[in-house]
N, C-alpha and C. Protein backbone atom coordinates (compact mmCIF):
# COMPACT_ATOMS: atom_id res chain seq x y z
N MET A 1 0.84 -1.19 0.03
CA MET A 1 0.00 -0.02 -0.01
C MET A 1 0.88 1.22 0.01
N GLU A 2 0.71 2.09 -0.98
CA GLU A 2 1.46 3.33 -1.06
C GLU A 2 0.79 4.34 -0.20
N LYS A 3 1.56 4.94 0.73
CA LYS A 3 1.03 5.99 1.56
C LYS A 3 1.23 7.37 0.97
N ARG A 4 0.40 8.22 1.35
CA ARG A 4 0.56 9.67 1.01
C ARG A 4 0.49 10.47 2.26
N ILE A 5 1.10 11.61 2.20
CA ILE A 5 1.00 12.57 3.33
C ILE A 5 0.49 13.87 2.71
N GLY A 6 -0.38 14.55 3.45
CA GLY A 6 -0.91 15.79 2.92
C GLY A 6 -1.76 16.56 3.94
N THR A 7 -2.37 17.59 3.45
CA THR A 7 -3.23 18.41 4.29
C THR A 7 -4.63 18.37 3.73
N ILE A 8 -5.61 18.47 4.67
CA ILE A 8 -6.98 18.62 4.30
C ILE A 8 -7.48 19.85 5.04
N SER A 9 -8.03 20.78 4.24
CA SER A 9 -8.60 22.01 4.82
C SER A 9 -10.14 21.88 4.77
N ILE A 10 -10.76 22.15 5.87
CA ILE A 10 -12.19 22.05 5.96
C ILE A 10 -12.80 23.38 6.42
N VAL A 11 -13.72 23.90 5.64
CA VAL A 11 -14.43 25.12 6.05
C VAL A 11 -15.85 24.74 6.39
N ILE A 12 -16.28 25.10 7.57
CA ILE A 12 -17.61 24.76 8.05
C ILE A 12 -18.41 26.06 8.14
N TYR A 13 -19.51 26.12 7.40
CA TYR A 13 -20.30 27.33 7.34
C TYR A 13 -21.47 27.34 8.34
N GLU A 14 -21.81 26.21 8.86
CA GLU A 14 -22.97 26.06 9.78
C GLU A 14 -22.52 25.24 10.98
N LYS A 15 -22.74 25.79 12.16
CA LYS A 15 -22.25 25.22 13.42
C LYS A 15 -22.72 23.74 13.60
N THR A 16 -23.94 23.47 13.16
CA THR A 16 -24.52 22.09 13.35
C THR A 16 -23.70 21.06 12.50
N ALA A 17 -23.07 21.50 11.40
CA ALA A 17 -22.29 20.60 10.57
C ALA A 17 -21.04 20.15 11.28
N ALA A 18 -20.54 20.93 12.23
CA ALA A 18 -19.31 20.65 12.93
C ALA A 18 -19.37 19.31 13.69
N VAL A 19 -20.54 19.00 14.18
CA VAL A 19 -20.76 17.69 14.90
C VAL A 19 -20.46 16.54 13.96
N LEU A 20 -20.99 16.60 12.78
CA LEU A 20 -20.75 15.48 11.78
C LEU A 20 -19.32 15.45 11.37
N VAL A 21 -18.66 16.62 11.15
CA VAL A 21 -17.28 16.69 10.77
C VAL A 21 -16.45 16.04 11.86
N ASN A 22 -16.68 16.40 13.10
CA ASN A 22 -15.83 15.85 14.21
C ASN A 22 -16.05 14.34 14.35
N GLN A 23 -17.26 13.81 14.10
CA GLN A 23 -17.50 12.37 14.13
C GLN A 23 -16.65 11.68 13.07
N LEU A 24 -16.62 12.24 11.89
CA LEU A 24 -15.82 11.61 10.85
C LEU A 24 -14.34 11.66 11.12
N LEU A 25 -13.85 12.83 11.58
CA LEU A 25 -12.44 12.91 11.92
C LEU A 25 -12.09 11.95 13.03
N SER A 26 -12.97 11.69 13.93
CA SER A 26 -12.71 10.64 14.96
C SER A 26 -12.60 9.30 14.41
N GLU A 27 -13.39 8.95 13.38
CA GLU A 27 -13.31 7.66 12.74
C GLU A 27 -11.97 7.47 12.07
N TYR A 28 -11.39 8.54 11.53
CA TYR A 28 -10.14 8.46 10.81
C TYR A 28 -8.96 8.90 11.65
N SER A 29 -9.09 8.99 12.93
CA SER A 29 -8.06 9.54 13.81
C SER A 29 -6.71 8.80 13.78
N ASP A 30 -6.74 7.50 13.45
CA ASP A 30 -5.51 6.74 13.38
C ASP A 30 -4.56 7.29 12.27
N TYR A 31 -5.13 7.97 11.30
CA TYR A 31 -4.32 8.47 10.21
C TYR A 31 -3.96 9.95 10.33
N ILE A 32 -4.56 10.63 11.28
CA ILE A 32 -4.36 12.09 11.40
C ILE A 32 -3.13 12.33 12.29
N LEU A 33 -2.18 13.05 11.77
CA LEU A 33 -0.95 13.37 12.48
C LEU A 33 -1.09 14.65 13.32
N ALA A 34 -1.83 15.62 12.76
CA ALA A 34 -2.04 16.91 13.45
C ALA A 34 -3.38 17.50 13.07
N ARG A 35 -3.90 18.30 13.94
CA ARG A 35 -5.21 18.92 13.69
C ARG A 35 -5.19 20.34 14.32
N ASN A 36 -5.70 21.29 13.61
CA ASN A 36 -5.78 22.65 14.11
C ASN A 36 -7.10 23.25 13.72
N GLY A 37 -7.81 23.77 14.66
CA GLY A 37 -9.11 24.35 14.43
C GLY A 37 -9.18 25.82 14.77
N LEU A 38 -9.90 26.57 14.02
CA LEU A 38 -10.03 28.00 14.24
C LEU A 38 -11.49 28.39 14.06
N PRO A 39 -12.21 28.66 15.17
CA PRO A 39 -13.55 29.15 15.07
C PRO A 39 -13.57 30.64 14.86
N LEU A 40 -14.27 31.07 13.83
CA LEU A 40 -14.36 32.50 13.57
C LEU A 40 -15.80 32.92 13.84
N HIS A 41 -16.07 33.17 15.09
CA HIS A 41 -17.42 33.47 15.58
C HIS A 41 -18.02 34.67 14.89
N GLN A 42 -17.23 35.75 14.65
CA GLN A 42 -17.75 36.95 14.06
C GLN A 42 -18.18 36.73 12.59
N LYS A 43 -17.58 35.75 11.94
CA LYS A 43 -17.99 35.40 10.56
C LYS A 43 -18.88 34.21 10.45
N GLU A 44 -19.18 33.62 11.63
CA GLU A 44 -20.02 32.46 11.65
C GLU A 44 -19.53 31.28 10.83
N LEU A 45 -18.24 31.02 10.89
CA LEU A 45 -17.68 29.86 10.23
C LEU A 45 -16.49 29.37 11.01
N SER A 46 -16.10 28.13 10.72
CA SER A 46 -14.95 27.51 11.40
C SER A 46 -14.04 26.88 10.32
N ILE A 47 -12.76 26.86 10.61
CA ILE A 47 -11.80 26.25 9.70
C ILE A 47 -11.03 25.23 10.49
N ILE A 48 -10.95 23.98 9.90
CA ILE A 48 -10.12 22.94 10.46
C ILE A 48 -9.08 22.52 9.44
N SER A 49 -7.86 22.37 9.89
CA SER A 49 -6.76 21.97 9.01
C SER A 49 -6.17 20.72 9.64
N ILE A 50 -6.06 19.66 8.84
CA ILE A 50 -5.43 18.46 9.36
C ILE A 50 -4.26 17.97 8.48
N ILE A 51 -3.31 17.32 9.07
CA ILE A 51 -2.24 16.69 8.35
C ILE A 51 -2.55 15.19 8.47
N ILE A 52 -2.53 14.52 7.33
CA ILE A 52 -2.93 13.11 7.29
C ILE A 52 -1.91 12.27 6.59
N GLU A 53 -1.76 11.02 7.00
CA GLU A 53 -0.87 10.08 6.37
C GLU A 53 -1.53 8.72 6.26
N THR A 54 -1.82 8.31 5.03
CA THR A 54 -2.52 7.06 4.77
C THR A 54 -2.57 6.80 3.31
N SER A 55 -3.30 5.79 2.87
CA SER A 55 -3.46 5.52 1.46
C SER A 55 -4.40 6.52 0.80
N THR A 56 -4.27 6.63 -0.51
CA THR A 56 -5.20 7.52 -1.24
C THR A 56 -6.63 7.07 -1.06
N ASP A 57 -6.88 5.78 -0.99
CA ASP A 57 -8.24 5.28 -0.81
C ASP A 57 -8.87 5.82 0.46
N ASN A 58 -8.12 5.75 1.61
CA ASN A 58 -8.62 6.29 2.89
C ASN A 58 -8.82 7.78 2.80
N ILE A 59 -7.91 8.51 2.21
CA ILE A 59 -8.00 9.94 2.11
C ILE A 59 -9.22 10.33 1.24
N ASN A 60 -9.40 9.64 0.11
CA ASN A 60 -10.53 9.89 -0.73
C ASN A 60 -11.86 9.55 -0.02
N ALA A 61 -11.89 8.48 0.73
CA ALA A 61 -13.09 8.15 1.43
C ALA A 61 -13.46 9.21 2.49
N LEU A 62 -12.46 9.69 3.23
CA LEU A 62 -12.73 10.72 4.21
C LEU A 62 -13.17 12.04 3.58
N THR A 63 -12.46 12.49 2.54
CA THR A 63 -12.84 13.79 1.95
C THR A 63 -14.16 13.64 1.21
N GLY A 64 -14.47 12.51 0.64
CA GLY A 64 -15.77 12.32 -0.03
C GLY A 64 -16.90 12.44 0.96
N LYS A 65 -16.72 11.78 2.13
CA LYS A 65 -17.76 11.85 3.19
C LYS A 65 -17.89 13.29 3.74
N LEU A 66 -16.79 13.97 3.91
CA LEU A 66 -16.80 15.36 4.42
C LEU A 66 -17.46 16.24 3.39
N GLY A 67 -17.20 16.05 2.10
CA GLY A 67 -17.78 16.89 1.02
C GLY A 67 -19.26 16.76 0.86
N ARG A 68 -19.78 15.62 1.34
CA ARG A 68 -21.22 15.37 1.25
C ARG A 68 -22.02 16.04 2.42
N ILE A 69 -21.31 16.55 3.39
CA ILE A 69 -22.02 17.21 4.51
C ILE A 69 -22.44 18.58 4.08
N LYS A 70 -23.68 18.91 4.27
CA LYS A 70 -24.21 20.26 3.91
C LYS A 70 -23.45 21.33 4.68
N ASP A 71 -23.13 22.38 3.98
CA ASP A 71 -22.49 23.60 4.59
C ASP A 71 -21.01 23.29 4.94
N VAL A 72 -20.35 22.33 4.26
CA VAL A 72 -18.94 22.02 4.48
C VAL A 72 -18.24 22.05 3.12
N GLU A 73 -17.05 22.68 3.09
CA GLU A 73 -16.24 22.71 1.88
C GLU A 73 -14.87 22.09 2.27
N VAL A 74 -14.35 21.29 1.34
CA VAL A 74 -13.08 20.55 1.61
C VAL A 74 -12.11 20.67 0.48
N LYS A 75 -10.82 20.91 0.79
CA LYS A 75 -9.76 21.01 -0.23
C LYS A 75 -8.61 20.12 0.29
N THR A 76 -7.96 19.43 -0.58
CA THR A 76 -6.90 18.47 -0.21
C THR A 76 -5.66 18.73 -1.05
N ILE A 77 -4.49 18.64 -0.42
CA ILE A 77 -3.20 18.67 -1.11
C ILE A 77 -2.40 17.43 -0.62
N LEU A 78 -1.99 16.59 -1.61
CA LEU A 78 -1.31 15.38 -1.24
C LEU A 78 0.08 15.33 -1.90
N SER A 79 0.98 14.61 -1.28
CA SER A 79 2.34 14.45 -1.76
C SER A 79 2.73 13.00 -1.63
N LYS A 80 3.49 12.50 -2.63
CA LYS A 80 4.04 11.16 -2.56
C LYS A 80 5.39 11.28 -1.88
N TYR A 81 5.74 10.23 -1.14
CA TYR A 81 7.11 10.23 -0.53
C TYR A 81 7.56 8.78 -0.47
N LYS A 82 8.89 8.64 -0.33
CA LYS A 82 9.44 7.30 -0.24
C LYS A 82 9.70 7.02 1.23
N GLU A 83 9.33 5.77 1.65
CA GLU A 83 9.55 5.38 3.05
C GLU A 83 10.95 4.85 3.20
C-alpha cells in the first residue's frame, strides 16, 4: 500500500455541521498526524486543518464523506514520498 501525506482544509459554514465533521475525523483519527481548528465566531464559520498520512483510498473516502455534508467545503493537497 502506497502511503501519501498531505493536508486537508475544511471550512464549516454552519455550526451544526461541525458535529458531523468531528465524528468523521474521529473515525479516521488513526491516520491524522495533526489537527488545528479556528472558530471565527464573528464570521459564523470555522476552519479545520489536518495533516494526514494514509493511502489515497482512505483519504478519498474521508474527503468524500466530508464533502457530502451540507455547509462544508473541503480541499486536499497530497504528496508522494518514499519510506
